[in-house]
Amino acid sequence: MSQRDGFGSGFLLGALIGGTVGGIVGALAAGRRSPLNSSEEFAGQEPTEESIEGARRSLESKIAQLNLAIDDVREQLGSVNGSSPEP
């Protein structure tokens, strides 16, 4: 029974110390972080047709890249599992 009590108190102490250290490190890291694409950059600006079209094209390109990557992984997993790839 004494081992169980020692474990519980050690676990609690570790959780408190870990939470404190994690909180301090997180606060320091958040203070040094600079936002790259924050909405504050565009505050008060209306999106233009060009910016909307550029964003749409960029998203379509990323989706196409993701679809190709998914197909590639699906083929690789199909050959690993021994099943034939879908036509």
PDB file of N, CA and C in Angstrom:
ATOM      1  N   MET A   1       0.819  -1.193   0.000  1.00  0.00           N
ATOM      2  CA  MET A   1       0.000   0.000   0.000  1.00  0.00           C
ATOM      3  C   MET A   1       0.861   1.255   0.000  1.00  0.00           C
ATOM      4  N   SER A   2       2.050   1.188   0.610  1.00  0.00           N
ATOM      5  CA  SER A   2       2.900   2.369   0.660  1.00  0.00           C
ATOM      6  C   SER A   2       3.447   2.721  -0.717  1.00  0.00           C
ATOM      7  N   GLN A   3       3.641   1.711  -1.579  1.00  0.00           N
ATOM      8  CA  GLN A   3       4.093   2.006  -2.939  1.00  0.00           C
ATOM      9  C   GLN A   3       3.028   2.767  -3.713  1.00  0.00           C
ATOM     10  N   ARG A   4       1.785   2.395  -3.522  1.00  0.00           N
ATOM     11  CA  ARG A   4       0.695   3.074  -4.209  1.00  0.00           C
ATOM     12  C   ARG A   4       0.594   4.525  -3.739  1.00  0.00           C
ATOM     13  N   ASP A   5       0.754   4.771  -2.446  1.00  0.00           N
ATOM     14  CA  ASP A   5       0.722   6.134  -1.925  1.00  0.00           C
ATOM     15  C   ASP A   5       1.901   6.942  -2.466  1.00  0.00           C
ATOM     16  N   GLY A   6       3.070   6.335  -2.547  1.00  0.00           N
ATOM     17  CA  GLY A   6       4.242   7.018  -3.085  1.00  0.00           C
ATOM     18  C   GLY A   6       4.058   7.360  -4.555  1.00  0.00           C
ATOM     19  N   PHE A   7       3.433   6.476  -5.280  1.00  0.00           N
ATOM     20  CA  PHE A   7       3.190   6.719  -6.700  1.00  0.00           C
ATOM     21  C   PHE A   7       2.222   7.884  -6.878  1.00  0.00           C
ATOM     22  N   GLY A   8       1.170   7.895  -6.126  1.00  0.00           N
ATOM     23  CA  GLY A   8       0.170   8.954  -6.248  1.00  0.00           C
ATOM     24  C   GLY A   8       0.742  10.319  -5.930  1.00  0.00           C
ATOM     25  N   SER A   9       1.501  10.418  -4.863  1.00  0.00           N
ATOM     26  CA  SER A   9       2.075  11.720  -4.505  1.00  0.00           C
ATOM     27  C   SER A   9       3.150  12.131  -5.503  1.00  0.00           C
ATOM     28  N   GLY A  10       3.936  11.183  -5.989  1.00  0.00           N
ATOM     29  CA  GLY A  10       4.950  11.495  -7.002  1.00  0.00           C
ATOM     30  C   GLY A  10       4.316  11.932  -8.304  1.00  0.00           C
ATOM     31  N   PHE A  11       3.230  11.278  -8.676  1.00  0.00           N
ATOM     32  CA  PHE A  11       2.518  11.645  -9.899  1.00  0.00           C
ATOM     33  C   PHE A  11       1.953  13.049  -9.785  1.00  0.00           C
ATOM     34  N   LEU A  12       1.356  13.353  -8.650  1.00  0.00           N
ATOM     35  CA  LEU A  12       0.784  14.679  -8.432  1.00  0.00           C
ATOM     36  C   LEU A  12       1.860  15.762  -8.454  1.00  0.00           C
ATOM     37  N   LEU A  13       2.980  15.495  -7.805  1.00  0.00           N
ATOM     38  CA  LEU A  13       4.083  16.456  -7.795  1.00  0.00           C
ATOM     39  C   LEU A  13       4.634  16.656  -9.209  1.00  0.00           C
ATOM     40  N   GLY A  14       4.795  15.582  -9.957  1.00  0.00           N
ATOM     41  CA  GLY A  14       5.283  15.677 -11.335  1.00  0.00           C
ATOM     42  C   GLY A  14       4.322  16.443 -12.228  1.00  0.00           C
ATOM     43  N   ALA A  15       3.028  16.219 -12.030  1.00  0.00           N
ATOM     44  CA  ALA A  15       2.032  16.929 -12.838  1.00  0.00           C
ATOM     45  C   ALA A  15       2.055  18.422 -12.528  1.00  0.00           C
ATOM     46  N   LEU A  16       2.198  18.775 -11.271  1.00  0.00           N
ATOM     47  CA  LEU A  16       2.255  20.193 -10.904  1.00  0.00           C
ATOM     48  C   LEU A  16       3.507  20.869 -11.444  1.00  0.00           C
ATOM     49  N   ILE A  17       4.646  20.222 -11.298  1.00  0.00           N
ATOM     50  CA  ILE A  17       5.897  20.802 -11.791  1.00  0.00           C
ATOM     51  C   ILE A  17       5.870  20.870 -13.319  1.00  0.00           C
ATOM     52  N   GLY A  18       5.422  19.810 -13.964  1.00  0.00           N
ATOM     53  CA  GLY A  18       5.352  19.796 -15.423  1.00  0.00           C
ATOM     54  C   GLY A  18       4.402  20.845 -15.961  1.00  0.00           C
ATOM     55  N   GLY A  19       3.266  21.016 -15.302  1.00  0.00           N
ATOM     56  CA  GLY A  19       2.320  22.042 -15.722  1.00  0.00           C
ATOM     57  C   GLY A  19       2.876  23.437 -15.565  1.00  0.00           C
ATOM     58  N   THR A  20       3.593  23.667 -14.492  1.00  0.00           N
ATOM     59  CA  THR A  20       4.192  24.976 -14.252  1.00  0.00           C
ATOM     60  C   THR A  20       5.269  25.278 -15.284  1.00  0.00           C
ATOM     61  N   VAL A  21       6.173  24.318 -15.489  1.00  0.00           N
ATOM     62  CA  VAL A  21       7.247  24.519 -16.466  1.00  0.00           C
ATOM     63  C   VAL A  21       6.663  24.679 -17.866  1.00  0.00           C
ATOM     64  N   GLY A  22       5.680  23.849 -18.227  1.00  0.00           N
ATOM     65  CA  GLY A  22       5.043  23.954 -19.542  1.00  0.00           C
ATOM     66  C   GLY A  22       4.354  25.295 -19.735  1.00  0.00           C
ATOM     67  N   GLY A  23       3.715  25.790 -18.699  1.00  0.00           N
ATOM     68  CA  GLY A  23       3.056  27.091 -18.787  1.00  0.00           C
ATOM     69  C   GLY A  23       4.043  28.225 -18.991  1.00  0.00           C
ATOM     70  N   ILE A  24       5.155  28.155 -18.294  1.00  0.00           N
ATOM     71  CA  ILE A  24       6.175  29.200 -18.435  1.00  0.00           C
ATOM     72  C   ILE A  24       6.786  29.156 -19.833  1.00  0.00           C
ATOM     73  N   VAL A  25       7.142  27.967 -20.299  1.00  0.00           N
ATOM     74  CA  VAL A  25       7.728  27.836 -21.639  1.00  0.00           C
ATOM     75  C   VAL A  25       6.717  28.279 -22.703  1.00  0.00           C
ATOM     76  N   GLY A  26       5.463  27.920 -22.549  1.00  0.00           N
ATOM     77  CA  GLY A  26       4.441  28.329 -23.503  1.00  0.00           C
ATOM     78  C   GLY A  26       4.253  29.837 -23.535  1.00  0.00           C
ATOM     79  N   ALA A  27       4.275  30.454 -22.370  1.00  0.00           N
ATOM     80  CA  ALA A  27       4.128  31.906 -22.314  1.00  0.00           C
ATOM     81  C   ALA A  27       5.317  32.604 -22.964  1.00  0.00           C
ATOM     82  N   LEU A  28       6.517  32.085 -22.744  1.00  0.00           N
ATOM     83  CA  LEU A  28       7.696  32.675 -23.368  1.00  0.00           C
ATOM     84  C   LEU A  28       7.671  32.490 -24.882  1.00  0.00           C
ATOM     85  N   ALA A  29       7.278  31.317 -25.332  1.00  0.00           N
ATOM     86  CA  ALA A  29       7.228  31.048 -26.776  1.00  0.00           C
ATOM     87  C   ALA A  29       6.148  31.895 -27.446  1.00  0.00           C
ATOM     88  N   ALA A  30       5.024  32.089 -26.798  1.00  0.00           N
ATOM     89  CA  ALA A  30       3.947  32.892 -27.381  1.00  0.00           C
ATOM     90  C   ALA A  30       4.348  34.361 -27.457  1.00  0.00           C
ATOM     91  N   GLY A  31       5.141  34.815 -26.530  1.00  0.00           N
ATOM     92  CA  GLY A  31       5.586  36.198 -26.541  1.00  0.00           C
ATOM     93  C   GLY A  31       6.555  36.479 -27.668  1.00  0.00           C
ATOM     94  N   ARG A  32       7.326  35.490 -28.075  1.00  0.00           N
ATOM     95  CA  ARG A  32       8.315  35.675 -29.137  1.00  0.00           C
ATOM     96  C   ARG A  32       7.747  35.410 -30.519  1.00  0.00           C
ATOM     97  N   ARG A  33       6.622  34.798 -30.608  1.00  0.00           N
ATOM     98  CA  ARG A  33       6.041  34.401 -31.891  1.00  0.00           C
ATOM     99  C   ARG A  33       5.491  35.616 -32.616  1.00  0.00           C
ATOM    100  N   SER A  34       5.789  35.701 -33.901  1.00  0.00           N
ATOM    101  CA  SER A  34       5.229  36.781 -34.702  1.00  0.00           C
ATOM    102  C   SER A  34       4.232  36.190 -35.680  1.00  0.00           C
ATOM    103  N   PRO A  35       3.032  36.733 -35.766  1.00  0.00           N
ATOM    104  CA  PRO A  35       2.025  36.186 -36.674  1.00  0.00           C
ATOM    105  C   PRO A  35       2.421  36.414 -38.123  1.00  0.00           C
ATOM    106  N   LEU A  36       2.341  35.371 -38.943  1.00  0.00           N
ATOM    107  CA  LEU A  36       2.715  35.474 -40.340  1.00  0.00           C
ATOM    108  C   LEU A  36       1.552  35.941 -41.194  1.00  0.00           C
ATOM    109  N   ASN A  37       0.433  35.311 -41.043  1.00  0.00           N
ATOM    110  CA  ASN A  37      -0.731  35.636 -41.857  1.00  0.00           C
ATOM    111  C   ASN A  37      -1.904  35.993 -40.963  1.00  0.00           C
ATOM    112  N   SER A  38      -1.747  37.006 -40.174  1.00  0.00           N
ATOM    113  CA  SER A  38      -2.838  37.340 -39.271  1.00  0.00           C
ATOM    114  C   SER A  38      -3.873  38.193 -39.981  1.00  0.00           C
ATOM    115  N   SER A  39      -5.062  38.126 -39.495  1.00  0.00           N
ATOM    116  CA  SER A  39      -6.135  38.919 -40.081  1.00  0.00           C
ATOM    117  C   SER A  39      -5.974  40.398 -39.746  1.00  0.00           C
ATOM    118  N   GLU A  40      -5.100  40.715 -38.792  1.00  0.00           N
ATOM    119  CA  GLU A  40      -4.862  42.105 -38.440  1.00  0.00           C
ATOM    120  C   GLU A  40      -4.198  42.863 -39.589  1.00  0.00           C
ATOM    121  N   GLU A  41      -3.447  42.149 -40.448  1.00  0.00           N
ATOM    122  CA  GLU A  41      -2.795  42.792 -41.583  1.00  0.00           C
ATOM    123  C   GLU A  41      -3.827  43.411 -42.513  1.00  0.00           C
ATOM    124  N   PHE A  42      -4.961  42.765 -42.647  1.00  0.00           N
ATOM    125  CA  PHE A  42      -5.972  43.172 -43.599  1.00  0.00           C
ATOM    126  C   PHE A  42      -7.162  43.854 -42.935  1.00  0.00           C
ATOM    127  N   ALA A  43      -7.000  44.270 -41.697  1.00  0.00           N
ATOM    128  CA  ALA A  43      -8.098  44.904 -40.991  1.00  0.00           C
ATOM    129  C   ALA A  43      -8.487  46.192 -41.706  1.00  0.00           C
ATOM    130  N   GLY A  44      -9.763  46.345 -41.981  1.00  0.00           N
ATOM    131  CA  GLY A  44     -10.251  47.533 -42.632  1.00  0.00           C
ATOM    132  C   GLY A  44     -10.133  47.520 -44.144  1.00  0.00           C
ATOM    133  N   GLN A  45      -9.586  46.439 -44.713  1.00  0.00           N
ATOM    134  CA  GLN A  45      -9.449  46.352 -46.159  1.00  0.00           C
ATOM    135  C   GLN A  45     -10.464  45.365 -46.704  1.00  0.00           C
ATOM    136  N   GLU A  46     -11.101  45.743 -47.774  1.00  0.00           N
ATOM    137  CA  GLU A  46     -12.037  44.852 -48.444  1.00  0.00           C
ATOM    138  C   GLU A  46     -11.268  43.990 -49.429  1.00  0.00           C
ATOM    139  N   PRO A  47     -11.586  42.688 -49.510  1.00  0.00           N
ATOM    140  CA  PRO A  47     -10.904  41.844 -50.501  1.00  0.00           C
ATOM    141  C   PRO A  47     -11.308  42.256 -51.913  1.00  0.00           C
ATOM    142  N   THR A  48     -10.338  42.245 -52.796  1.00  0.00           N
ATOM    143  CA  THR A  48     -10.608  42.595 -54.187  1.00  0.00           C
ATOM    144  C   THR A  48     -10.881  41.327 -54.985  1.00  0.00           C
ATOM    145  N   GLU A  49     -11.414  41.496 -56.177  1.00  0.00           N
ATOM    146  CA  GLU A  49     -11.663  40.348 -57.049  1.00  0.00           C
ATOM    147  C   GLU A  49     -10.378  39.602 -57.345  1.00  0.00           C
ATOM    148  N   GLU A  50      -9.288  40.358 -57.538  1.00  0.00           N
ATOM    149  CA  GLU A  50      -8.003  39.734 -57.851  1.00  0.00           C
ATOM    150  C   GLU A  50      -7.503  38.891 -56.682  1.00  0.00           C
ATOM    151  N   SER A  51      -7.645  39.409 -55.469  1.00  0.00           N
ATOM    152  CA  SER A  51      -7.151  38.659 -54.317  1.00  0.00           C
ATOM    153  C   SER A  51      -8.000  37.412 -54.075  1.00  0.00           C
ATOM    154  N   ILE A  52      -9.293  37.525 -54.301  1.00  0.00           N
ATOM    155  CA  ILE A  52     -10.171  36.365 -54.135  1.00  0.00           C
ATOM    156  C   ILE A  52      -9.849  35.310 -55.190  1.00  0.00           C
ATOM    157  N   GLU A  53      -9.656  35.740 -56.425  1.00  0.00           N
ATOM    158  CA  GLU A  53      -9.339  34.804 -57.501  1.00  0.00           C
ATOM    159  C   GLU A  53      -7.979  34.147 -57.264  1.00  0.00           C
ATOM    160  N   GLY A  54      -7.013  34.919 -56.799  1.00  0.00           N
ATOM    161  CA  GLY A  54      -5.691  34.362 -56.492  1.00  0.00           C
ATOM    162  C   GLY A  54      -5.760  33.338 -55.372  1.00  0.00           C
ATOM    163  N   ALA A  55      -6.551  33.628 -54.351  1.00  0.00           N
ATOM    164  CA  ALA A  55      -6.711  32.681 -53.249  1.00  0.00           C
ATOM    165  C   ALA A  55      -7.397  31.410 -53.716  1.00  0.00           C
ATOM    166  N   ARG A  56      -8.399  31.557 -54.588  1.00  0.00           N
ATOM    167  CA  ARG A  56      -9.107  30.388 -55.113  1.00  0.00           C
ATOM    168  C   ARG A  56      -8.170  29.500 -55.932  1.00  0.00           C
ATOM    169  N   ARG A  57      -7.366  30.116 -56.791  1.00  0.00           N
ATOM    170  CA  ARG A  57      -6.419  29.341 -57.608  1.00  0.00           C
ATOM    171  C   ARG A  57      -5.387  28.641 -56.737  1.00  0.00           C
ATOM    172  N   SER A  58      -4.923  29.342 -55.723  1.00  0.00           N
ATOM    173  CA  SER A  58      -3.944  28.747 -54.812  1.00  0.00           C
ATOM    174  C   SER A  58      -4.538  27.539 -54.093  1.00  0.00           C
ATOM    175  N   LEU A  59      -5.774  27.676 -53.635  1.00  0.00           N
ATOM    176  CA  LEU A  59      -6.430  26.560 -52.953  1.00  0.00           C
ATOM    177  C   LEU A  59      -6.672  25.390 -53.896  1.00  0.00           C
ATOM    178  N   GLU A  60      -7.070  25.675 -55.129  1.00  0.00           N
ATOM    179  CA  GLU A  60      -7.273  24.598 -56.098  1.00  0.00           C
ATOM    180  C   GLU A  60      -5.978  23.862 -56.371  1.00  0.00           C
ATOM    181  N   SER A  61      -4.876  24.592 -56.451  1.00  0.00           N
ATOM    182  CA  SER A  61      -3.576  23.973 -56.676  1.00  0.00           C
ATOM    183  C   SER A  61      -3.192  23.076 -55.507  1.00  0.00           C
ATOM    184  N   LYS A  62      -3.403  23.545 -54.296  1.00  0.00           N
ATOM    185  CA  LYS A  62      -3.087  22.745 -53.105  1.00  0.00           C
ATOM    186  C   LYS A  62      -3.960  21.501 -53.037  1.00  0.00           C
ATOM    187  N   ILE A  63      -5.222  21.620 -53.381  1.00  0.00           N
ATOM    188  CA  ILE A  63      -6.125  20.465 -53.373  1.00  0.00           C
ATOM    189  C   ILE A  63      -5.669  19.439 -54.400  1.00  0.00           C
ATOM    190  N   ALA A  64      -5.251  19.894 -55.578  1.00  0.00           N
ATOM    191  CA  ALA A  64      -4.764  18.976 -56.605  1.00  0.00           C
ATOM    192  C   ALA A  64      -3.505  18.256 -56.128  1.00  0.00           C
ATOM    193  N   GLN A  65      -2.609  18.978 -55.463  1.00  0.00           N
ATOM    194  CA  GLN A  65      -1.399  18.352 -54.926  1.00  0.00           C
ATOM    195  C   GLN A  65      -1.747  17.314 -53.870  1.00  0.00           C
ATOM    196  N   LEU A  66      -2.691  17.631 -52.999  1.00  0.00           N
ATOM    197  CA  LEU A  66      -3.106  16.681 -51.970  1.00  0.00           C
ATOM    198  C   LEU A  66      -3.745  15.446 -52.578  1.00  0.00           C
ATOM    199  N   ASN A  67      -4.559  15.630 -53.606  1.00  0.00           N
ATOM    200  CA  ASN A  67      -5.180  14.483 -54.265  1.00  0.00           C
ATOM    201  C   ASN A  67      -4.138  13.574 -54.894  1.00  0.00           C
ATOM    202  N   LEU A  68      -3.113  14.151 -55.512  1.00  0.00           N
ATOM    203  CA  LEU A  68      -2.036  13.344 -56.085  1.00  0.00           C
ATOM    204  C   LEU A  68      -1.286  12.580 -54.998  1.00  0.00           C
ATOM    205  N   ALA A  69      -1.021  13.243 -53.891  1.00  0.00           N
ATOM    206  CA  ALA A  69      -0.323  12.585 -52.793  1.00  0.00           C
ATOM    207  C   ALA A  69      -1.162  11.457 -52.207  1.00  0.00           C
ATOM    208  N   ILE A  70      -2.455  11.664 -52.092  1.00  0.00           N
ATOM    209  CA  ILE A  70      -3.349  10.624 -51.577  1.00  0.00           C
ATOM    210  C   ILE A  70      -3.372   9.428 -52.520  1.00  0.00           C
ATOM    211  N   ASP A  71      -3.445   9.692 -53.818  1.00  0.00           N
ATOM    212  CA  ASP A  71      -3.428   8.596 -54.789  1.00  0.00           C
ATOM    213  C   ASP A  71      -2.128   7.816 -54.729  1.00  0.00           C
ATOM    214  N   ASP A  72      -1.008   8.528 -54.574  1.00  0.00           N
ATOM    215  CA  ASP A  72       0.296   7.874 -54.486  1.00  0.00           C
ATOM    216  C   ASP A  72       0.372   6.979 -53.252  1.00  0.00           C
ATOM    217  N   VAL A  73      -0.071   7.476 -52.125  1.00  0.00           N
ATOM    218  CA  VAL A  73      -0.044   6.683 -50.887  1.00  0.00           C
ATOM    219  C   VAL A  73      -0.983   5.493 -51.009  1.00  0.00           C
ATOM    220  N   ARG A  74      -2.138   5.692 -51.623  1.00  0.00           N
ATOM    221  CA  ARG A  74      -3.089   4.601 -51.807  1.00  0.00           C
ATOM    222  C   ARG A  74      -2.473   3.484 -52.650  1.00  0.00           C
ATOM    223  N   GLU A  75      -1.735   3.848 -53.700  1.00  0.00           N
ATOM    224  CA  GLU A  75      -1.064   2.848 -54.530  1.00  0.00           C
ATOM    225  C   GLU A  75       0.012   2.117 -53.744  1.00  0.00           C
ATOM    226  N   GLN A  76       0.795   2.864 -52.967  1.00  0.00           N
ATOM    227  CA  GLN A  76       1.851   2.249 -52.169  1.00  0.00           C
ATOM    228  C   GLN A  76       1.271   1.295 -51.135  1.00  0.00           C
ATOM    229  N   LEU A  77       0.207   1.695 -50.473  1.00  0.00           N
ATOM    230  CA  LEU A  77      -0.414   0.828 -49.471  1.00  0.00           C
ATOM    231  C   LEU A  77      -1.062  -0.382 -50.119  1.00  0.00           C
ATOM    232  N   GLY A  78      -1.597  -0.214 -51.314  1.00  0.00           N
ATOM    233  CA  GLY A  78      -2.193  -1.342 -52.010  1.00  0.00           C
ATOM    234  C   GLY A  78      -1.167  -2.393 -52.343  1.00  0.00           C
ATOM    235  N   SER A  79       0.037  -1.982 -52.749  1.00  0.00           N
ATOM    236  CA  SER A  79       1.078  -2.956 -53.069  1.00  0.00           C
ATOM    237  C   SER A  79       1.644  -3.578 -51.801  1.00  0.00           C
ATOM    238  N   VAL A  80       1.644  -2.861 -50.699  1.00  0.00           N
ATOM    239  CA  VAL A  80       2.130  -3.408 -49.430  1.00  0.00           C
ATOM    240  C   VAL A  80       1.150  -4.445 -48.900  1.00  0.00           C
ATOM    241  N   ASN A  81      -0.130  -4.163 -49.002  1.00  0.00           N
ATOM    242  CA  ASN A  81      -1.146  -5.071 -48.484  1.00  0.00           C
ATOM    243  C   ASN A  81      -1.384  -6.257 -49.396  1.00  0.00           C
ATOM    244  N   GLY A  82      -0.813  -6.251 -50.576  1.00  0.00           N
ATOM    245  CA  GLY A  82      -0.967  -7.373 -51.483  1.00  0.00           C
ATOM    246  C   GLY A  82      -2.195  -7.311 -52.350  1.00  0.00           C
ATOM    247  N   SER A  83      -2.951  -6.277 -52.244  1.00  0.00           N
ATOM    248  CA  SER A  83      -4.141  -6.150 -53.081  1.00  0.00           C
ATOM    249  C   SER A  83      -3.758  -5.372 -54.330  1.00  0.00           C
ATOM    250  N   SER A  84      -4.510  -5.606 -55.377  1.00  0.00           N
ATOM    251  CA  SER A  84      -4.230  -4.894 -56.611  1.00  0.00           C
ATOM    252  C   SER A  84      -4.840  -3.512 -56.540  1.00  0.00           C
ATOM    253  N   PRO A  85      -4.164  -2.516 -57.132  1.00  0.00           N
ATOM    254  CA  PRO A  85      -4.729  -1.163 -57.105  1.00  0.00           C
ATOM    255  C   PRO A  85      -6.006  -1.088 -57.933  1.00  0.00           C
ATOM    256  N   GLU A  86      -6.861  -0.147 -57.532  1.00  0.00           N
ATOM    257  CA  GLU A  86      -8.125   0.024 -58.235  1.00  0.00           C
ATOM    258  C   GLU A  86      -7.881   0.601 -59.623  1.00  0.00           C
ATOM    259  N   PRO A  87      -8.694   0.228 -60.609  1.00  0.00           N
ATOM    260  CA  PRO A  87      -8.497   0.757 -61.959  1.00  0.00           C
ATOM    261  C   PRO A  87      -8.868   2.206 -62.060  1.00  0.00           C
TER     262      PRO A  87
END
